[in-house]
C-alpha atoms as a PDB file:
ATOM      1  CA  UNK A   1     -13.279  -6.703  36.255  1.00  0.00           C
ATOM      2  CA  UNK A   2     -15.208  -6.679  32.974  1.00  0.00           C
ATOM      3  CA  UNK A   3     -17.804  -4.206  31.787  1.00  0.00           C
ATOM      4  CA  UNK A   4     -20.817  -4.862  29.628  1.00  0.00           C
ATOM      5  CA  UNK A   5     -20.357  -3.373  26.148  1.00  0.00           C
ATOM      6  CA  UNK A   6     -22.676  -0.484  25.329  1.00  0.00           C
ATOM      7  CA  UNK A   7     -25.546  -1.579  23.094  1.00  0.00           C
ATOM      8  CA  UNK A   8     -25.192  -0.028  19.635  1.00  0.00           C
ATOM      9  CA  UNK A   9     -27.766   0.467  16.863  1.00  0.00           C
ATOM     10  CA  UNK A  10     -27.641  -1.684  13.750  1.00  0.00           C
ATOM     11  CA  UNK A  11     -26.627   0.586  10.898  1.00  0.00           C
ATOM     12  CA  UNK A  12     -27.289  -0.477   7.321  1.00  0.00           C
ATOM     13  CA  UNK A  13     -25.926   0.393   3.908  1.00  0.00           C
ATOM     14  CA  UNK A  14     -27.854   2.718   1.612  1.00  0.00           C
ATOM     15  CA  UNK A  15     -30.982   4.813   1.858  1.00  0.00           C
ATOM     16  CA  UNK A  16     -34.111   3.678   3.705  1.00  0.00           C
ATOM     17  CA  UNK A  17     -37.616   5.086   3.354  1.00  0.00           C
ATOM     18  CA  UNK A  18     -38.606   4.060   6.871  1.00  0.00           C
ATOM     19  CA  UNK A  19     -36.657   3.177  10.046  1.00  0.00           C
ATOM     20  CA  UNK A  20     -38.037  -0.357  10.151  1.00  0.00           C
ATOM     21  CA  UNK A  21     -36.252  -1.011   6.849  1.00  0.00           C
ATOM     22  CA  UNK A  22     -32.951   0.035   8.418  1.00  0.00           C
ATOM     23  CA  UNK A  23     -30.996   3.185   9.159  1.00  0.00           C
ATOM     24  CA  UNK A  24     -27.752   4.565   7.823  1.00  0.00           C
ATOM     25  CA  UNK A  25     -25.445   6.914   9.740  1.00  0.00           C
ATOM     26  CA  UNK A  26     -27.040  10.132   8.504  1.00  0.00           C
ATOM     27  CA  UNK A  27     -30.615   8.851   8.733  1.00  0.00           C
ATOM     28  CA  UNK A  28     -30.103   8.138  12.406  1.00  0.00           C
ATOM     29  CA  UNK A  29     -28.516  11.581  12.764  1.00  0.00           C
ATOM     30  CA  UNK A  30     -31.661  13.143  11.297  1.00  0.00           C
ATOM     31  CA  UNK A  31     -33.818  11.272  13.813  1.00  0.00           C
ATOM     32  CA  UNK A  32     -31.629  12.210  16.786  1.00  0.00           C
ATOM     33  CA  UNK A  33     -31.705  15.849  15.640  1.00  0.00           C
ATOM     34  CA  UNK A  34     -35.506  15.832  15.578  1.00  0.00           C
ATOM     35  CA  UNK A  35     -35.615  16.431  11.839  1.00  0.00           C
ATOM     36  CA  UNK A  36     -37.498  14.604   9.069  1.00  0.00           C
ATOM     37  CA  UNK A  37     -36.115  11.141   8.309  1.00  0.00           C
ATOM     38  CA  UNK A  38     -33.462  11.645   5.625  1.00  0.00           C
ATOM     39  CA  UNK A  39     -29.920  10.700   4.667  1.00  0.00           C
ATOM     40  CA  UNK A  40     -29.435  14.343   3.597  1.00  0.00           C
ATOM     41  CA  UNK A  41     -30.622  16.157   6.748  1.00  0.00           C
ATOM     42  CA  UNK A  42     -30.221  19.869   7.344  1.00  0.00           C
ATOM     43  CA  UNK A  43     -28.501  19.225  10.691  1.00  0.00           C
ATOM     44  CA  UNK A  44     -25.092  18.473   9.131  1.00  0.00           C
ATOM     45  CA  UNK A  45     -22.878  20.278   6.634  1.00  0.00           C
ATOM     46  CA  UNK A  46     -23.318  18.619   3.206  1.00  0.00           C
ATOM     47  CA  UNK A  47     -19.613  17.851   2.759  1.00  0.00           C
ATOM     48  CA  UNK A  48     -19.379  16.125   6.130  1.00  0.00           C
ATOM     49  CA  UNK A  49     -22.641  14.288   5.489  1.00  0.00           C
ATOM     50  CA  UNK A  50     -21.371  13.054   2.125  1.00  0.00           C
ATOM     51  CA  UNK A  51     -18.267  11.569   3.730  1.00  0.00           C
ATOM     52  CA  UNK A  52     -20.383  10.003   6.478  1.00  0.00           C
ATOM     53  CA  UNK A  53     -22.607   8.327   3.870  1.00  0.00           C
ATOM     54  CA  UNK A  54     -19.572   7.011   2.005  1.00  0.00           C
ATOM     55  CA  UNK A  55     -17.975   5.651   5.162  1.00  0.00           C
ATOM     56  CA  UNK A  56     -21.266   4.093   6.240  1.00  0.00           C
ATOM     57  CA  UNK A  57     -21.779   2.343   2.901  1.00  0.00           C
ATOM     58  CA  UNK A  58     -18.171   1.197   2.427  1.00  0.00           C
ATOM     59  CA  UNK A  59     -17.771  -0.180   5.951  1.00  0.00           C
ATOM     60  CA  UNK A  60     -18.498  -3.872   6.401  1.00  0.00           C
ATOM     61  CA  UNK A  61     -21.737  -5.002   8.028  1.00  0.00           C
ATOM     62  CA  UNK A  62     -19.759  -6.248  11.026  1.00  0.00           C
ATOM     63  CA  UNK A  63     -17.879  -2.980  11.467  1.00  0.00           C
ATOM     64  CA  UNK A  64     -20.680  -0.507  10.798  1.00  0.00           C
ATOM     65  CA  UNK A  65     -22.168  -0.437  14.335  1.00  0.00           C
ATOM     66  CA  UNK A  66     -18.830   0.964  15.548  1.00  0.00           C
ATOM     67  CA  UNK A  67     -19.618   4.153  13.637  1.00  0.00           C
ATOM     68  CA  UNK A  68     -22.676   4.839  15.780  1.00  0.00           C
ATOM     69  CA  UNK A  69     -20.910   6.632  18.679  1.00  0.00           C
ATOM     70  CA  UNK A  70     -19.762   9.283  16.189  1.00  0.00           C
ATOM     71  CA  UNK A  71     -23.281  10.228  15.106  1.00  0.00           C
ATOM     72  CA  UNK A  72     -23.995  12.871  17.804  1.00  0.00           C
ATOM     73  CA  UNK A  73     -20.796  14.722  16.872  1.00  0.00           C
ATOM     74  CA  UNK A  74     -22.075  15.602  13.373  1.00  0.00           C
ATOM     75  CA  UNK A  75     -25.405  17.039  14.540  1.00  0.00           C
ATOM     76  CA  UNK A  76     -25.595  20.825  14.450  1.00  0.00           C
ATOM     77  CA  UNK A  77     -22.372  21.244  12.453  1.00  0.00           C
ATOM     78  CA  UNK A  78     -23.539  23.342   9.494  1.00  0.00           C
ATOM     79  CA  UNK A  79     -22.577  26.163   7.123  1.00  0.00           C
ATOM     80  CA  UNK A  80     -18.857  25.403   7.040  1.00  0.00           C
ATOM     81  CA  UNK A  81     -18.309  27.025   3.655  1.00  0.00           C
ATOM     82  CA  UNK A  82     -16.663  26.100   0.385  1.00  0.00           C
ATOM     83  CA  UNK A  83     -13.240  25.721   1.979  1.00  0.00           C
ATOM     84  CA  UNK A  84     -14.445  22.851   4.131  1.00  0.00           C
ATOM     85  CA  UNK A  85     -15.711  20.940   1.071  1.00  0.00           C
ATOM     86  CA  UNK A  86     -12.198  20.989  -0.381  1.00  0.00           C
ATOM     87  CA  UNK A  87     -10.571  20.219   2.952  1.00  0.00           C
ATOM     88  CA  UNK A  88     -12.691  17.101   3.453  1.00  0.00           C
ATOM     89  CA  UNK A  89     -11.351  15.855   0.120  1.00  0.00           C
ATOM     90  CA  UNK A  90      -7.776  16.630   1.159  1.00  0.00           C
ATOM     91  CA  UNK A  91      -8.237  14.952   4.555  1.00  0.00           C
ATOM     92  CA  UNK A  92      -9.578  11.822   2.868  1.00  0.00           C
ATOM     93  CA  UNK A  93      -6.886  11.799   0.178  1.00  0.00           C
ATOM     94  CA  UNK A  94      -4.070  12.203   2.691  1.00  0.00           C
ATOM     95  CA  UNK A  95      -5.432   9.316   4.756  1.00  0.00           C
ATOM     96  CA  UNK A  96      -5.718   7.088   1.704  1.00  0.00           C
ATOM     97  CA  UNK A  97      -2.574   7.898  -0.250  1.00  0.00           C
ATOM     98  CA  UNK A  98      -0.004   5.916   1.816  1.00  0.00           C
ATOM     99  CA  UNK A  99      -2.054   2.693   1.677  1.00  0.00           C
ATOM    100  CA  UNK A 100      -3.978   3.012  -1.597  1.00  0.00           C
ATOM    101  CA  UNK A 101      -3.556   0.705  -4.570  1.00  0.00           C
ATOM    102  CA  UNK A 102      -1.737   2.217  -7.545  1.00  0.00           C
ATOM    103  CA  UNK A 103      -4.873   2.821  -9.607  1.00  0.00           C
ATOM    104  CA  UNK A 104      -6.351   4.810  -6.726  1.00  0.00           C
ATOM    105  CA  UNK A 105      -3.076   6.652  -6.095  1.00  0.00           C
ATOM    106  CA  UNK A 106      -3.167   8.087  -9.603  1.00  0.00           C
ATOM    107  CA  UNK A 107      -6.592   9.601  -9.033  1.00  0.00           C
ATOM    108  CA  UNK A 108      -5.558  10.893  -5.619  1.00  0.00           C
ATOM    109  CA  UNK A 109      -2.410  12.501  -7.002  1.00  0.00           C
ATOM    110  CA  UNK A 110      -4.207  14.278  -9.830  1.00  0.00           C
ATOM    111  CA  UNK A 111      -6.977  15.424  -7.500  1.00  0.00           C
ATOM    112  CA  UNK A 112      -4.580  16.854  -4.932  1.00  0.00           C
ATOM    113  CA  UNK A 113      -2.622  18.723  -7.599  1.00  0.00           C
ATOM    114  CA  UNK A 114      -5.861  20.199  -8.930  1.00  0.00           C
ATOM    115  CA  UNK A 115      -6.917  21.385  -5.481  1.00  0.00           C
ATOM    116  CA  UNK A 116      -3.483  22.869  -4.834  1.00  0.00           C
ATOM    117  CA  UNK A 117      -3.789  24.829  -8.081  1.00  0.00           C
ATOM    118  CA  UNK A 118      -0.821  23.177  -9.784  1.00  0.00           C
ATOM    119  CA  UNK A 119      -2.797  22.620 -12.993  1.00  0.00           C
ATOM    120  CA  UNK A 120      -4.234  26.112 -13.260  1.00  0.00           C
ATOM    121  CA  UNK A 121      -6.736  28.344 -11.473  1.00  0.00           C
ATOM    122  CA  UNK A 122      -8.832  26.671  -8.800  1.00  0.00           C
ATOM    123  CA  UNK A 123     -11.988  28.196  -7.303  1.00  0.00           C
ATOM    124  CA  UNK A 124     -11.265  27.698  -3.590  1.00  0.00           C
ATOM    125  CA  UNK A 125      -8.061  27.975  -1.549  1.00  0.00           C
ATOM    126  CA  UNK A 126      -7.469  25.211   0.989  1.00  0.00           C
ATOM    127  CA  UNK A 127      -6.583  26.483   4.446  1.00  0.00           C
ATOM    128  CA  UNK A 128      -3.737  25.421   6.691  1.00  0.00           C
ATOM    129  CA  UNK A 129      -2.682  22.947   7.897  1.00  0.00           C
ATOM    130  CA  UNK A 130      -4.139  20.955   5.002  1.00  0.00           C
ATOM    131  CA  UNK A 131      -2.397  22.794   2.192  1.00  0.00           C
ATOM    132  CA  UNK A 132       1.042  22.261   3.713  1.00  0.00           C
ATOM    133  CA  UNK A 133       0.245  18.644   4.552  1.00  0.00           C
ATOM    134  CA  UNK A 134      -0.889  17.955   0.990  1.00  0.00           C
ATOM    135  CA  UNK A 135       2.232  19.566  -0.450  1.00  0.00           C
ATOM    136  CA  UNK A 136       4.441  17.559   1.914  1.00  0.00           C
ATOM    137  CA  UNK A 137       2.689  14.274   1.079  1.00  0.00           C
ATOM    138  CA  UNK A 138       3.110  14.821  -2.652  1.00  0.00           C
ATOM    139  CA  UNK A 139       6.753  15.742  -2.080  1.00  0.00           C
ATOM    140  CA  UNK A 140       7.193  12.360  -0.380  1.00  0.00           C
ATOM    141  CA  UNK A 141       5.607  10.633  -3.396  1.00  0.00           C
ATOM    142  CA  UNK A 142       7.844  12.071  -6.106  1.00  0.00           C
ATOM    143  CA  UNK A 143       7.036   9.397  -8.693  1.00  0.00           C
ATOM    144  CA  UNK A 144       3.312   9.909  -8.204  1.00  0.00           C
ATOM    145  CA  UNK A 145       3.641  13.664  -8.443  1.00  0.00           C
ATOM    146  CA  UNK A 146       5.639  13.346 -11.665  1.00  0.00           C
ATOM    147  CA  UNK A 147       3.090  10.927 -13.128  1.00  0.00           C
ATOM    148  CA  UNK A 148       0.199  13.209 -12.192  1.00  0.00           C
ATOM    149  CA  UNK A 149       1.843  16.284 -13.716  1.00  0.00           C
ATOM    150  CA  UNK A 150       2.653  14.369 -16.903  1.00  0.00           C
ATOM    151  CA  UNK A 151      -0.887  13.005 -17.091  1.00  0.00           C
ATOM    152  CA  UNK A 152      -2.424  16.452 -16.906  1.00  0.00           C
ATOM    153  CA  UNK A 153      -0.027  17.733 -19.560  1.00  0.00           C
ATOM    154  CA  UNK A 154      -0.891  14.831 -21.855  1.00  0.00           C
ATOM    155  CA  UNK A 155      -4.552  15.759 -21.672  1.00  0.00           C
ATOM    156  CA  UNK A 156      -3.657  18.920 -23.631  1.00  0.00           C
ATOM    157  CA  UNK A 157      -6.874  20.653 -22.693  1.00  0.00           C
ATOM    158  CA  UNK A 158      -7.621  23.652 -20.544  1.00  0.00           C
ATOM    159  CA  UNK A 159      -9.048  22.280 -17.323  1.00  0.00           C
ATOM    160  CA  UNK A 160     -12.059  24.316 -16.186  1.00  0.00           C
ATOM    161  CA  UNK A 161     -11.724  26.001 -12.785  1.00  0.00           C
ATOM    162  CA  UNK A 162     -14.262  23.683 -11.183  1.00  0.00           C
ATOM    163  CA  UNK A 163     -14.093  21.883  -7.849  1.00  0.00           C
ATOM    164  CA  UNK A 164     -12.914  18.255  -7.842  1.00  0.00           C
ATOM    165  CA  UNK A 165     -13.647  17.804  -4.142  1.00  0.00           C
ATOM    166  CA  UNK A 166     -16.601  15.424  -4.443  1.00  0.00           C
ATOM    167  CA  UNK A 167     -14.994  12.933  -6.868  1.00  0.00           C
ATOM    168  CA  UNK A 168     -11.713  13.080  -4.947  1.00  0.00           C
ATOM    169  CA  UNK A 169     -13.524  12.280  -1.699  1.00  0.00           C
ATOM    170  CA  UNK A 170     -15.221   9.299  -3.368  1.00  0.00           C
ATOM    171  CA  UNK A 171     -11.914   7.985  -4.761  1.00  0.00           C
ATOM    172  CA  UNK A 172     -10.236   8.334  -1.373  1.00  0.00           C
ATOM    173  CA  UNK A 173     -13.020   6.581   0.519  1.00  0.00           C
ATOM    174  CA  UNK A 174     -13.038   3.685  -1.942  1.00  0.00           C
ATOM    175  CA  UNK A 175      -9.252   3.470  -1.742  1.00  0.00           C
ATOM    176  CA  UNK A 176      -9.447   3.142   2.032  1.00  0.00           C
ATOM    177  CA  UNK A 177     -12.133   0.467   1.863  1.00  0.00           C
ATOM    178  CA  UNK A 178     -10.121  -1.587  -0.647  1.00  0.00           C
ATOM    179  CA  UNK A 179      -6.675  -1.074   0.894  1.00  0.00           C
ATOM    180  CA  UNK A 180      -4.614  -4.160   1.718  1.00  0.00           C
ATOM    181  CA  UNK A 181      -4.383  -3.404   5.430  1.00  0.00           C
ATOM    182  CA  UNK A 182      -5.449  -5.320   8.494  1.00  0.00           C
ATOM    183  CA  UNK A 183      -8.592  -3.312   9.208  1.00  0.00           C
ATOM    184  CA  UNK A 184      -9.957  -1.105   6.413  1.00  0.00           C
ATOM    185  CA  UNK A 185     -13.000  -0.342   8.572  1.00  0.00           C
ATOM    186  CA  UNK A 186     -10.715   1.306  11.124  1.00  0.00           C
ATOM    187  CA  UNK A 187      -9.207   3.484   8.387  1.00  0.00           C
ATOM    188  CA  UNK A 188     -12.679   4.588   7.308  1.00  0.00           C
ATOM    189  CA  UNK A 189     -13.649   5.411  10.896  1.00  0.00           C
ATOM    190  CA  UNK A 190     -10.413   7.335  11.322  1.00  0.00           C
ATOM    191  CA  UNK A 191     -10.925   9.524   8.254  1.00  0.00           C
ATOM    192  CA  UNK A 192     -14.471  10.336   9.317  1.00  0.00           C
ATOM    193  CA  UNK A 193     -13.161  11.186  12.775  1.00  0.00           C
ATOM    194  CA  UNK A 194     -10.569  13.555  11.282  1.00  0.00           C
ATOM    195  CA  UNK A 195     -13.208  15.280   9.178  1.00  0.00           C
ATOM    196  CA  UNK A 196     -15.494  15.642  12.196  1.00  0.00           C
ATOM    197  CA  UNK A 197     -12.690  17.072  14.330  1.00  0.00           C
ATOM    198  CA  UNK A 198     -11.856  19.634  11.640  1.00  0.00           C
ATOM    199  CA  UNK A 199     -15.525  20.493  11.157  1.00  0.00           C
ATOM    200  CA  UNK A 200     -15.943  21.165  14.850  1.00  0.00           C
ATOM    201  CA  UNK A 201     -12.748  23.233  14.881  1.00  0.00           C
ATOM    202  CA  UNK A 202     -14.062  25.286  11.947  1.00  0.00           C
ATOM    203  CA  UNK A 203     -17.428  25.751  13.655  1.00  0.00           C
ATOM    204  CA  UNK A 204     -15.716  26.948  16.828  1.00  0.00           C
ATOM    205  CA  UNK A 205     -18.101  28.177  19.492  1.00  0.00           C
ATOM    206  CA  UNK A 206     -21.045  27.446  17.189  1.00  0.00           C
ATOM    207  CA  UNK A 207     -20.438  23.702  17.499  1.00  0.00           C
ATOM    208  CA  UNK A 208     -22.931  22.167  19.951  1.00  0.00           C
ATOM    209  CA  UNK A 209     -21.673  19.783  22.586  1.00  0.00           C
ATOM    210  CA  UNK A 210     -21.790  16.187  21.384  1.00  0.00           C
ATOM    211  CA  UNK A 211     -23.427  14.030  24.047  1.00  0.00           C
ATOM    212  CA  UNK A 212     -22.719  10.278  24.149  1.00  0.00           C
ATOM    213  CA  UNK A 213     -25.130   8.112  22.195  1.00  0.00           C
ATOM    214  CA  UNK A 214     -27.463   6.302  24.595  1.00  0.00           C
ATOM    215  CA  UNK A 215     -29.695   3.295  23.781  1.00  0.00           C
ATOM    216  CA  UNK A 216     -32.863   5.073  24.926  1.00  0.00           C
ATOM    217  CA  UNK A 217     -32.371   7.632  22.132  1.00  0.00           C
ATOM    218  CA  UNK A 218     -32.746   5.114  19.324  1.00  0.00           C
ATOM    219  CA  UNK A 219     -34.020   1.798  20.720  1.00  0.00           C
ATOM    220  CA  UNK A 220     -37.616   2.522  19.754  1.00  0.00           C
ATOM    221  CA  UNK A 221     -36.713   3.203  16.126  1.00  0.00           C
ATOM    222  CA  UNK A 222     -33.749   1.016  15.175  1.00  0.00           C
ATOM    223  CA  UNK A 223     -32.901  -2.526  16.220  1.00  0.00           C
ATOM    224  CA  UNK A 224     -29.691  -3.175  18.118  1.00  0.00           C
ATOM    225  CA  UNK A 225     -26.561  -4.679  16.612  1.00  0.00           C
END
C-alpha cells in the first residue's frame, strides 16, 4: 500500500519583501505565528532563527522543502538566554567537525577553544552536556587541538572576552553544506533539528506544542513544492 506524500511549501533562499516573491523558513514561521512578514520574527529566539536562516539558505533548492515540517517547532520558542546562543554554535560545530574540510576544521577548533575558555576569559559558560561533548570531541582531534592552541599563541594578542558564537555558527553551517558526504542537506536538517530539540528542552513547560504543518495553513500564501 502506498500513501500520497504530504504537499509541502516551496521555500526559497534569502529574504523576500512579499510572499508572492517567495518565502524562507523564518518568513513562513512569521506568517504561521500571525506576526508581520519577516525573516527576523519575534516568535523565535534570535539564535535559533539565525541557524534556521543559514540552513534554509545553504540547503539546495531540491532539498529545501524538506525543512518545512520543522517550521511549527520553532514558533513560540523565545527568550532562551545568552547560554543558548553559545550552545547553538557548539551544537553546529560538533555536527560539522567530523566531516568538515581542513580549512573549516581550523575555524571550528579555534572557535570551540574560545567558547570553552581555553584562550582566556569568556563571557558565557556553556551548559552540559555541550561542554563535555565539546571537550571530548577536541580530545579526539588531538592534532586539531594542538594546531588551534598554537595558532592562538602565534597571534600574540590579548583576545577580548567577546562571544564568537555567531561566526562559529556560520563556519559550521558552511562546513556542513560543503562537506564531501552523500547528503549535505540531511546534515543541515539534522543540525537544525538538534538545535530545535535543545531549544525546546531549555524552554521546558513554556514551549508550545508543535502541531504538524498542514497545507491549508500556507497554501493561500506560498506555492507548493
